[in-house]
Each structure stands twice: as structure tokens, then as C-alpha cells.
């Protein structure tokens, strides 16, 4: 059961909670924030949870075609187990939620996950966006038990001398050796 608060006070317009992980709750938190008046929060509801909880958003890459893109976000964690990871992916296909999408460059912070309890910390993910990309998809996932907060997400074009992060290509199926 995914629990997403339905009131206007806590509704997260434009964001999608993970449908594959019903053991997590996504809310708008007005008490804990990096700046402004609120932030998004994701927390585990049960001790024996399924794989991960996730909040996701997608948008058109038009403004970033043929550029290097940096996503910056502030994250705070209170983790009893597991990790938190921001992720950023550029896809090729008609609809990022359909089976026609071909995943492209991807960074999910697998090589640098956020662990334990952390204060607000800024993280950057950098990928290249090319002509064939049709969507930019990003989010924050919780793999374990605890609570995480997300605030002040920004996207900007950066120079090619800014190092890429997690730029490996993702395929739909495993490849044989």
C-alpha cells in the first residue's frame, strides 16, 4: 500500500510515488526544510519493507539538448538501515512511463550512496543530453528503513569540462558475455 497524503496541504503536484514499493509514504513536510516553506519527504512505514521507495518527476529535455546538464539537490537523512540515492536519467522514447522508452545515460549515486544520519547536504549529478533524448527523469529513492527529505532541486547547463557522474548506458535486458 502506497500511502500518499491527499490533502492540498501535503499533495506533491507533478511528482509520482513509486508504485512498486507500497511500504513507504511520501509527504510534503512544512516543518523540516532546507529553504522556503516546505520540502518533500519519503519514509519507510514498516520494518520489513520491500525493495525501495521512490519519488519521481519527468520533463522535456528541449532546453538541454546537446548540453551537459547538472542536477543539484539538497537531501537530509535519518536512516536506520540502507541508503538514500538521488538519480537522474535521460531517456529516448515517446512516453517515459511507457514500455517504448529506451533508457539512456543514468546516474543513481550507486557508487556514492548517502548513508546514516546527515544534515542538509547538496549533491550534484551530471549527464549529457543528446538529440535523441525525449525525456529527463529524476527522483530520490530510499533503500531501507528511515526517512529522507528533498529540497531545492535545480537544473543548469554546465561546461563540458564539468565531470560527468554515472554516465553508463542502461539497457532493457542483460547482455551475454
N, C-alpha and C. Protein backbone atom coordinates (compact mmCIF):
# COMPACT_ATOMS: atom_id res chain seq x y z
N UNK A 1 0.83 -1.18 0.00
CA UNK A 1 0.00 0.00 0.00
C UNK A 1 0.87 1.24 0.00
N UNK A 2 0.77 2.02 -1.03
CA UNK A 2 1.49 3.29 -1.04
C UNK A 2 0.59 4.29 -0.37
N UNK A 3 1.15 5.01 0.54
CA UNK A 3 0.35 6.00 1.26
C UNK A 3 0.83 7.36 0.80
N UNK A 4 0.00 8.08 0.10
CA UNK A 4 0.31 9.43 -0.34
C UNK A 4 -0.78 10.33 0.21
N UNK A 5 -0.38 11.29 1.01
CA UNK A 5 -1.36 12.19 1.61
C UNK A 5 -2.16 12.90 0.52
N UNK A 6 -3.46 13.01 0.70
CA UNK A 6 -4.32 13.53 -0.35
C UNK A 6 -4.73 14.99 -0.17
N UNK A 7 -4.49 15.55 0.99
CA UNK A 7 -4.94 16.93 1.20
C UNK A 7 -4.08 17.90 0.41
N UNK A 8 -4.64 19.06 0.10
CA UNK A 8 -3.90 20.08 -0.64
C UNK A 8 -2.64 20.51 0.11
N UNK A 9 -2.68 20.45 1.42
CA UNK A 9 -1.54 20.86 2.23
C UNK A 9 -0.32 19.97 2.02
N UNK A 10 -0.56 18.70 1.70
CA UNK A 10 0.54 17.76 1.57
C UNK A 10 0.69 17.17 0.17
N UNK A 11 -0.17 17.50 -0.77
CA UNK A 11 -0.11 16.95 -2.12
C UNK A 11 1.15 17.42 -2.84
N UNK A 12 1.79 16.51 -3.56
CA UNK A 12 3.01 16.85 -4.30
C UNK A 12 2.67 16.83 -5.78
N UNK A 13 2.25 17.97 -6.32
CA UNK A 13 1.85 18.06 -7.71
C UNK A 13 3.04 17.81 -8.63
N UNK A 14 2.82 17.00 -9.66
CA UNK A 14 3.85 16.73 -10.64
C UNK A 14 4.81 15.61 -10.26
N UNK A 15 4.74 15.13 -9.04
CA UNK A 15 5.61 14.05 -8.58
C UNK A 15 4.83 12.75 -8.55
N UNK A 16 5.54 11.65 -8.80
CA UNK A 16 4.92 10.34 -8.79
C UNK A 16 5.60 9.47 -7.75
N UNK A 17 4.85 8.91 -6.81
CA UNK A 17 5.45 7.96 -5.87
C UNK A 17 5.65 6.63 -6.57
N UNK A 18 6.61 5.87 -6.11
CA UNK A 18 6.88 4.56 -6.68
C UNK A 18 5.68 3.64 -6.49
N UNK A 19 5.26 3.00 -7.56
CA UNK A 19 4.14 2.06 -7.45
C UNK A 19 4.61 0.66 -7.11
N UNK A 20 5.92 0.45 -7.12
CA UNK A 20 6.42 -0.90 -6.84
C UNK A 20 6.81 -1.08 -5.38
N UNK A 21 6.68 -0.06 -4.59
CA UNK A 21 7.10 -0.17 -3.19
C UNK A 21 6.03 0.39 -2.26
N UNK A 22 5.09 -0.44 -1.84
CA UNK A 22 3.96 0.04 -1.05
C UNK A 22 4.26 0.25 0.43
N UNK A 23 5.49 0.10 0.83
CA UNK A 23 5.81 0.20 2.25
C UNK A 23 6.42 1.54 2.63
N UNK A 24 6.16 2.55 1.80
CA UNK A 24 6.72 3.87 2.02
C UNK A 24 5.64 4.94 1.92
N UNK A 25 5.90 6.08 2.52
CA UNK A 25 4.97 7.21 2.49
C UNK A 25 5.70 8.42 1.94
N UNK A 26 5.01 9.15 1.07
CA UNK A 26 5.54 10.40 0.50
C UNK A 26 4.66 11.53 1.01
N UNK A 27 5.29 12.56 1.58
CA UNK A 27 4.52 13.71 2.09
C UNK A 27 5.25 15.01 1.79
N UNK A 28 4.53 16.10 1.93
CA UNK A 28 5.12 17.43 1.96
C UNK A 28 5.33 17.76 3.43
N UNK A 29 6.53 18.13 3.78
CA UNK A 29 6.88 18.44 5.17
C UNK A 29 7.05 19.96 5.31
N UNK A 30 6.20 20.56 6.13
CA UNK A 30 6.25 22.01 6.35
C UNK A 30 7.15 22.37 7.53
N UNK A 31 7.57 21.39 8.31
CA UNK A 31 8.40 21.64 9.49
C UNK A 31 9.88 21.51 9.19
N UNK A 32 10.24 20.55 8.39
CA UNK A 32 11.64 20.26 8.07
C UNK A 32 11.90 20.67 6.63
N UNK A 33 12.74 21.66 6.40
CA UNK A 33 13.03 22.12 5.04
C UNK A 33 14.41 22.75 5.00
N UNK A 34 14.98 22.76 3.79
CA UNK A 34 16.28 23.41 3.64
C UNK A 34 16.09 24.92 3.48
N UNK A 35 15.14 25.31 2.66
CA UNK A 35 14.79 26.72 2.49
C UNK A 35 13.32 26.81 2.10
N UNK A 36 12.79 27.98 2.03
CA UNK A 36 11.39 28.12 1.66
C UNK A 36 10.45 27.69 2.77
N UNK A 37 9.29 27.15 2.37
CA UNK A 37 8.26 26.83 3.35
C UNK A 37 7.97 25.34 3.48
N UNK A 38 8.55 24.51 2.60
CA UNK A 38 8.26 23.08 2.65
C UNK A 38 9.26 22.30 1.82
N UNK A 39 9.24 20.98 2.01
CA UNK A 39 10.06 20.09 1.19
C UNK A 39 9.33 18.75 1.06
N UNK A 40 9.84 17.88 0.21
CA UNK A 40 9.28 16.54 0.07
C UNK A 40 9.98 15.61 1.06
N UNK A 41 9.23 14.65 1.55
CA UNK A 41 9.81 13.66 2.46
C UNK A 41 9.31 12.27 2.08
N UNK A 42 10.17 11.30 2.25
CA UNK A 42 9.86 9.91 1.97
C UNK A 42 10.32 9.10 3.17
N UNK A 43 9.43 8.24 3.68
CA UNK A 43 9.83 7.44 4.84
C UNK A 43 9.25 6.04 4.74
N UNK A 44 9.97 5.12 5.37
CA UNK A 44 9.51 3.74 5.41
C UNK A 44 8.42 3.62 6.47
N UNK A 45 7.44 2.79 6.20
CA UNK A 45 6.31 2.60 7.12
C UNK A 45 6.42 1.32 7.93
N UNK A 46 7.17 0.36 7.43
CA UNK A 46 7.29 -0.93 8.09
C UNK A 46 8.76 -1.33 8.17
N UNK A 47 9.06 -2.16 9.14
CA UNK A 47 10.44 -2.60 9.34
C UNK A 47 10.90 -3.54 8.22
N UNK A 48 10.05 -4.48 7.85
CA UNK A 48 10.37 -5.43 6.78
C UNK A 48 9.77 -4.90 5.48
N UNK A 49 10.43 -3.96 4.86
CA UNK A 49 9.93 -3.29 3.67
C UNK A 49 10.38 -4.00 2.40
N UNK A 50 9.70 -3.69 1.32
CA UNK A 50 10.11 -4.18 0.02
C UNK A 50 11.20 -3.29 -0.54
N UNK A 51 11.71 -3.57 -1.73
CA UNK A 51 12.97 -3.03 -2.22
C UNK A 51 13.27 -1.55 -1.92
N UNK A 52 12.43 -0.65 -2.38
CA UNK A 52 12.73 0.76 -2.16
C UNK A 52 11.49 1.61 -2.38
N UNK A 53 11.53 2.80 -1.80
CA UNK A 53 10.52 3.81 -2.05
C UNK A 53 11.14 4.89 -2.91
N UNK A 54 10.33 5.56 -3.70
CA UNK A 54 10.88 6.48 -4.69
C UNK A 54 9.87 7.58 -5.00
N UNK A 55 10.35 8.78 -5.21
CA UNK A 55 9.51 9.83 -5.79
C UNK A 55 10.20 10.27 -7.08
N UNK A 56 9.39 10.49 -8.11
CA UNK A 56 9.90 10.69 -9.46
C UNK A 56 9.19 11.85 -10.14
N UNK A 57 9.92 12.49 -11.04
CA UNK A 57 9.34 13.51 -11.90
C UNK A 57 10.04 13.43 -13.25
N UNK A 58 9.36 13.85 -14.30
CA UNK A 58 9.95 13.84 -15.65
C UNK A 58 9.60 15.15 -16.35
N UNK A 59 10.50 15.56 -17.26
CA UNK A 59 10.23 16.76 -18.05
C UNK A 59 10.94 16.67 -19.39
N UNK A 60 10.57 17.57 -20.29
CA UNK A 60 11.14 17.60 -21.63
C UNK A 60 12.60 18.06 -21.59
N UNK A 61 13.46 17.45 -22.40
CA UNK A 61 14.86 17.84 -22.43
C UNK A 61 15.15 19.01 -23.36
N UNK A 62 14.14 19.57 -24.02
CA UNK A 62 14.35 20.55 -25.08
C UNK A 62 15.37 21.63 -24.74
N UNK A 63 15.28 22.18 -23.56
CA UNK A 63 16.18 23.27 -23.16
C UNK A 63 17.63 22.81 -23.00
N UNK A 64 17.85 21.50 -22.87
CA UNK A 64 19.18 20.98 -22.56
C UNK A 64 19.80 20.13 -23.68
N UNK A 65 19.12 20.01 -24.82
CA UNK A 65 19.64 19.20 -25.93
C UNK A 65 21.04 19.67 -26.33
N UNK A 66 21.93 18.70 -26.49
CA UNK A 66 23.34 18.94 -26.87
C UNK A 66 24.11 19.73 -25.81
N UNK A 67 23.69 19.60 -24.57
CA UNK A 67 24.40 20.25 -23.47
C UNK A 67 24.67 19.25 -22.35
N UNK A 68 25.56 19.62 -21.50
CA UNK A 68 25.80 18.87 -20.26
C UNK A 68 24.86 19.46 -19.22
N UNK A 69 24.17 18.60 -18.48
CA UNK A 69 23.16 19.01 -17.52
C UNK A 69 23.60 18.62 -16.11
N UNK A 70 23.52 19.60 -15.20
CA UNK A 70 23.78 19.30 -13.79
C UNK A 70 22.47 19.48 -13.01
N UNK A 71 22.11 18.41 -12.29
CA UNK A 71 21.00 18.49 -11.35
C UNK A 71 21.63 18.62 -9.97
N UNK A 72 21.21 19.62 -9.23
CA UNK A 72 21.65 19.80 -7.85
C UNK A 72 20.43 19.68 -6.95
N UNK A 73 20.61 19.06 -5.80
CA UNK A 73 19.50 18.91 -4.85
C UNK A 73 20.07 18.82 -3.45
N UNK A 74 19.30 19.28 -2.50
CA UNK A 74 19.65 19.19 -1.08
C UNK A 74 18.88 18.04 -0.46
N UNK A 75 19.59 17.18 0.27
CA UNK A 75 18.99 16.00 0.89
C UNK A 75 19.41 15.93 2.35
N UNK A 76 18.47 15.52 3.19
CA UNK A 76 18.74 15.26 4.61
C UNK A 76 18.26 13.85 4.90
N UNK A 77 18.97 13.11 5.74
CA UNK A 77 18.59 11.73 6.01
C UNK A 77 18.58 11.40 7.49
N UNK A 78 17.68 10.47 7.85
CA UNK A 78 17.65 9.82 9.15
C UNK A 78 17.41 8.34 8.84
N UNK A 79 18.52 7.61 8.65
CA UNK A 79 18.43 6.23 8.19
C UNK A 79 18.77 5.25 9.30
N UNK A 80 17.88 4.30 9.52
CA UNK A 80 18.16 3.21 10.47
C UNK A 80 18.92 2.10 9.76
N UNK A 81 18.67 1.95 8.46
CA UNK A 81 19.39 0.97 7.65
C UNK A 81 19.31 1.41 6.20
N UNK A 82 20.19 0.89 5.37
CA UNK A 82 20.13 1.16 3.94
C UNK A 82 20.71 2.50 3.55
N UNK A 83 20.26 2.99 2.39
CA UNK A 83 20.81 4.21 1.82
C UNK A 83 19.71 5.07 1.19
N UNK A 84 20.08 6.30 0.90
CA UNK A 84 19.26 7.20 0.09
C UNK A 84 20.08 7.52 -1.16
N UNK A 85 19.40 7.66 -2.29
CA UNK A 85 20.11 7.94 -3.53
C UNK A 85 19.27 8.82 -4.44
N UNK A 86 19.84 9.94 -4.86
CA UNK A 86 19.24 10.73 -5.92
C UNK A 86 19.51 9.99 -7.22
N UNK A 87 18.71 10.24 -8.23
CA UNK A 87 19.01 9.66 -9.53
C UNK A 87 18.53 10.58 -10.65
N UNK A 88 19.22 10.48 -11.78
CA UNK A 88 18.96 11.31 -12.95
C UNK A 88 19.18 10.45 -14.18
N UNK A 89 18.19 10.45 -15.10
CA UNK A 89 18.27 9.61 -16.29
C UNK A 89 17.73 10.38 -17.48
N UNK A 90 18.37 10.23 -18.63
CA UNK A 90 17.85 10.78 -19.88
C UNK A 90 17.41 9.61 -20.74
N UNK A 91 16.18 9.67 -21.25
CA UNK A 91 15.57 8.57 -21.99
C UNK A 91 15.31 8.95 -23.44
N UNK A 92 15.11 7.90 -24.24
CA UNK A 92 14.70 8.04 -25.63
C UNK A 92 13.43 7.23 -25.80
N UNK A 93 12.37 7.83 -26.29
CA UNK A 93 11.10 7.14 -26.47
C UNK A 93 9.96 8.13 -26.39
N UNK A 94 8.73 7.63 -26.56
CA UNK A 94 7.57 8.51 -26.63
C UNK A 94 7.03 8.96 -25.28
N UNK A 95 7.04 8.09 -24.31
CA UNK A 95 6.43 8.40 -23.02
C UNK A 95 7.26 7.75 -21.94
N UNK A 96 7.81 8.52 -21.02
CA UNK A 96 8.73 7.98 -20.01
C UNK A 96 8.09 6.91 -19.13
N UNK A 97 6.76 6.83 -19.10
CA UNK A 97 6.11 5.80 -18.29
C UNK A 97 5.69 4.59 -19.13
N UNK A 98 5.97 4.61 -20.44
CA UNK A 98 5.53 3.50 -21.28
C UNK A 98 6.66 2.50 -21.49
N UNK A 99 6.33 1.40 -22.14
CA UNK A 99 7.32 0.38 -22.44
C UNK A 99 8.15 0.74 -23.67
N UNK A 100 7.80 1.82 -24.36
CA UNK A 100 8.54 2.22 -25.56
C UNK A 100 9.80 3.01 -25.25
N UNK A 101 10.00 3.36 -24.00
CA UNK A 101 11.15 4.17 -23.63
C UNK A 101 12.41 3.32 -23.62
N UNK A 102 13.47 3.87 -24.17
CA UNK A 102 14.78 3.23 -24.10
C UNK A 102 15.64 4.06 -23.15
N UNK A 103 15.95 3.51 -21.98
CA UNK A 103 16.77 4.27 -21.04
C UNK A 103 18.13 4.64 -21.65
N UNK A 104 18.62 5.79 -21.28
CA UNK A 104 19.90 6.26 -21.80
C UNK A 104 20.90 6.43 -20.69
N UNK A 105 21.54 7.58 -20.62
CA UNK A 105 22.54 7.84 -19.59
C UNK A 105 21.85 7.94 -18.23
N UNK A 106 22.55 7.45 -17.21
CA UNK A 106 21.89 7.27 -15.93
C UNK A 106 22.90 7.41 -14.80
N UNK A 107 22.51 8.12 -13.75
CA UNK A 107 23.30 8.19 -12.52
C UNK A 107 22.34 8.01 -11.37
N UNK A 108 22.54 6.96 -10.56
CA UNK A 108 21.68 6.75 -9.40
C UNK A 108 22.49 6.78 -8.10
N UNK A 109 23.67 7.38 -8.14
CA UNK A 109 24.54 7.51 -6.97
C UNK A 109 24.90 6.15 -6.37
N UNK A 110 24.82 5.09 -7.18
CA UNK A 110 25.15 3.76 -6.68
C UNK A 110 26.59 3.68 -6.17
N UNK A 111 27.46 4.50 -6.76
CA UNK A 111 28.87 4.50 -6.36
C UNK A 111 29.15 5.46 -5.20
N UNK A 112 28.14 6.19 -4.76
CA UNK A 112 28.31 7.16 -3.68
C UNK A 112 26.98 7.38 -2.93
N UNK A 113 26.37 6.31 -2.41
CA UNK A 113 25.08 6.45 -1.73
C UNK A 113 25.20 7.26 -0.44
N UNK A 114 24.08 7.82 -0.02
CA UNK A 114 24.00 8.57 1.22
C UNK A 114 23.65 7.57 2.33
N UNK A 115 24.43 7.56 3.39
CA UNK A 115 24.23 6.59 4.47
C UNK A 115 24.07 7.29 5.82
N UNK A 116 23.38 6.63 6.74
CA UNK A 116 23.26 7.12 8.10
C UNK A 116 22.43 8.38 8.23
N UNK A 117 22.71 9.14 9.28
CA UNK A 117 22.02 10.40 9.53
C UNK A 117 22.88 11.54 9.01
N UNK A 118 22.29 12.39 8.17
CA UNK A 118 23.03 13.52 7.62
C UNK A 118 22.20 14.79 7.77
N UNK A 119 22.89 15.90 7.93
CA UNK A 119 22.22 17.19 7.86
C UNK A 119 22.03 17.53 6.38
N UNK A 120 21.39 18.65 6.11
CA UNK A 120 21.17 19.06 4.73
C UNK A 120 22.51 19.13 4.00
N UNK A 121 22.59 18.39 2.90
CA UNK A 121 23.81 18.33 2.09
C UNK A 121 23.43 18.46 0.62
N UNK A 122 24.23 19.22 -0.12
CA UNK A 122 23.98 19.40 -1.55
C UNK A 122 24.70 18.31 -2.34
N UNK A 123 23.97 17.72 -3.31
CA UNK A 123 24.52 16.69 -4.19
C UNK A 123 24.32 17.12 -5.63
N UNK A 124 25.29 16.78 -6.48
CA UNK A 124 25.22 17.09 -7.90
C UNK A 124 25.30 15.81 -8.72
N UNK A 125 24.47 15.74 -9.76
CA UNK A 125 24.52 14.66 -10.73
C UNK A 125 24.64 15.31 -12.10
N UNK A 126 25.55 14.80 -12.93
CA UNK A 126 25.84 15.44 -14.22
C UNK A 126 25.78 14.41 -15.34
N UNK A 127 24.97 14.69 -16.37
CA UNK A 127 24.85 13.82 -17.54
C UNK A 127 24.83 14.68 -18.81
N UNK A 128 25.09 14.04 -19.94
CA UNK A 128 24.96 14.72 -21.23
C UNK A 128 23.58 14.43 -21.80
N UNK A 129 22.99 15.44 -22.44
CA UNK A 129 21.68 15.30 -23.08
C UNK A 129 21.91 15.44 -24.57
N UNK A 130 21.43 14.47 -25.35
CA UNK A 130 21.67 14.48 -26.79
C UNK A 130 20.38 14.62 -27.59
N UNK A 131 20.53 14.75 -28.90
CA UNK A 131 19.39 14.97 -29.80
C UNK A 131 18.31 13.90 -29.68
N UNK A 132 18.70 12.64 -29.49
CA UNK A 132 17.71 11.56 -29.45
C UNK A 132 16.95 11.46 -28.13
N UNK A 133 17.36 12.20 -27.12
CA UNK A 133 16.68 12.12 -25.82
C UNK A 133 15.33 12.82 -25.87
N UNK A 134 14.32 12.16 -25.29
CA UNK A 134 12.96 12.68 -25.31
C UNK A 134 12.42 13.02 -23.93
N UNK A 135 13.13 12.62 -22.89
CA UNK A 135 12.69 12.99 -21.54
C UNK A 135 13.87 12.95 -20.58
N UNK A 136 13.75 13.74 -19.54
CA UNK A 136 14.68 13.73 -18.42
C UNK A 136 13.85 13.29 -17.22
N UNK A 137 14.30 12.24 -16.56
CA UNK A 137 13.56 11.66 -15.44
C UNK A 137 14.49 11.69 -14.23
N UNK A 138 13.97 12.07 -13.07
CA UNK A 138 14.82 12.17 -11.88
C UNK A 138 14.00 11.88 -10.64
N UNK A 139 14.70 11.65 -9.55
CA UNK A 139 13.99 11.41 -8.31
C UNK A 139 14.93 11.13 -7.15
N UNK A 140 14.32 10.69 -6.07
CA UNK A 140 15.04 10.32 -4.86
C UNK A 140 14.46 9.01 -4.37
N UNK A 141 15.35 8.07 -4.01
CA UNK A 141 14.87 6.78 -3.52
C UNK A 141 15.47 6.45 -2.16
N UNK A 142 14.68 5.72 -1.39
CA UNK A 142 15.09 5.24 -0.08
C UNK A 142 15.14 3.73 -0.16
N UNK A 143 16.33 3.18 0.06
CA UNK A 143 16.53 1.73 0.04
C UNK A 143 16.81 1.30 1.46
N UNK A 144 15.78 1.09 2.24
CA UNK A 144 15.98 0.72 3.62
C UNK A 144 14.96 1.36 4.54
N UNK A 145 15.33 1.47 5.81
CA UNK A 145 14.42 1.96 6.83
C UNK A 145 14.87 3.34 7.30
N UNK A 146 13.92 4.26 7.37
CA UNK A 146 14.21 5.60 7.86
C UNK A 146 13.38 6.64 7.14
N UNK A 147 13.91 7.86 7.13
CA UNK A 147 13.22 8.98 6.49
C UNK A 147 14.23 9.86 5.80
N UNK A 148 13.85 10.37 4.63
CA UNK A 148 14.71 11.28 3.87
C UNK A 148 13.90 12.49 3.42
N UNK A 149 14.59 13.60 3.23
CA UNK A 149 13.96 14.85 2.81
C UNK A 149 14.68 15.37 1.57
N UNK A 150 13.92 16.02 0.68
CA UNK A 150 14.44 16.54 -0.58
C UNK A 150 13.97 17.98 -0.75
N UNK A 151 14.91 18.87 -1.10
CA UNK A 151 14.56 20.29 -1.26
C UNK A 151 15.50 20.95 -2.26
N UNK A 152 15.08 22.09 -2.75
CA UNK A 152 15.91 22.98 -3.58
C UNK A 152 16.58 22.26 -4.75
N UNK A 153 15.76 21.62 -5.58
CA UNK A 153 16.28 20.94 -6.77
C UNK A 153 16.45 21.98 -7.87
N UNK A 154 17.58 21.93 -8.56
CA UNK A 154 17.80 22.85 -9.67
C UNK A 154 18.48 22.12 -10.81
N UNK A 155 18.29 22.64 -12.03
CA UNK A 155 18.91 22.10 -13.23
C UNK A 155 19.59 23.25 -13.96
N UNK A 156 20.79 22.96 -14.46
CA UNK A 156 21.51 24.00 -15.20
C UNK A 156 22.43 23.38 -16.23
N UNK A 157 22.62 24.11 -17.32
CA UNK A 157 23.61 23.73 -18.32
C UNK A 157 24.97 24.07 -17.74
N UNK A 158 25.92 23.15 -17.93
CA UNK A 158 27.28 23.39 -17.47
C UNK A 158 28.25 23.12 -18.61
N UNK A 159 29.47 23.63 -18.46
CA UNK A 159 30.50 23.45 -19.47
C UNK A 159 30.91 21.98 -19.56
N UNK A 160 31.45 21.60 -20.70
CA UNK A 160 31.88 20.22 -20.92
C UNK A 160 33.06 19.82 -20.03
N UNK A 161 33.73 20.79 -19.40
CA UNK A 161 34.83 20.44 -18.51
C UNK A 161 34.34 20.04 -17.11
N UNK A 162 33.03 20.19 -16.84
CA UNK A 162 32.46 19.68 -15.59
C UNK A 162 32.36 18.16 -15.74
N UNK A 163 32.96 17.40 -14.82
CA UNK A 163 32.97 15.94 -14.95
C UNK A 163 31.59 15.32 -14.91
N UNK A 164 31.40 14.30 -15.75
CA UNK A 164 30.16 13.52 -15.75
C UNK A 164 30.11 12.64 -14.50
N UNK A 165 28.91 12.31 -14.07
CA UNK A 165 28.72 11.35 -12.98
C UNK A 165 27.86 10.23 -13.52
N UNK A 166 28.15 9.00 -13.19
CA UNK A 166 27.31 7.86 -13.55
C UNK A 166 26.81 7.85 -14.97
N UNK A 167 27.66 7.95 -15.95
CA UNK A 167 27.23 8.13 -17.34
C UNK A 167 27.07 6.84 -18.13
N UNK A 168 27.07 5.70 -17.48
CA UNK A 168 26.92 4.46 -18.22
C UNK A 168 25.52 4.37 -18.83
N UNK A 169 25.43 3.67 -19.94
CA UNK A 169 24.15 3.48 -20.61
C UNK A 169 23.41 2.32 -19.95
N UNK A 170 22.10 2.41 -19.94
CA UNK A 170 21.27 1.38 -19.35
C UNK A 170 20.56 0.66 -20.48
N UNK A 171 20.56 -0.66 -20.44
CA UNK A 171 19.83 -1.42 -21.46
C UNK A 171 18.63 -2.11 -20.83
N UNK A 172 17.67 -2.53 -21.64
CA UNK A 172 16.44 -3.16 -21.15
C UNK A 172 16.67 -4.57 -20.64
N UNK A 173 17.71 -5.25 -21.14
CA UNK A 173 17.94 -6.63 -20.72
C UNK A 173 19.45 -6.86 -20.55
N UNK A 174 19.82 -7.87 -19.79
CA UNK A 174 21.24 -8.14 -19.60
C UNK A 174 21.89 -8.60 -20.89
N UNK A 175 23.16 -8.32 -21.02
CA UNK A 175 23.90 -8.72 -22.20
C UNK A 175 24.72 -9.96 -21.89
N UNK A 176 24.82 -10.85 -22.87
CA UNK A 176 25.62 -12.06 -22.70
C UNK A 176 27.09 -11.72 -22.82
N UNK A 177 27.92 -12.53 -22.15
CA UNK A 177 29.37 -12.34 -22.22
C UNK A 177 29.91 -12.86 -23.53
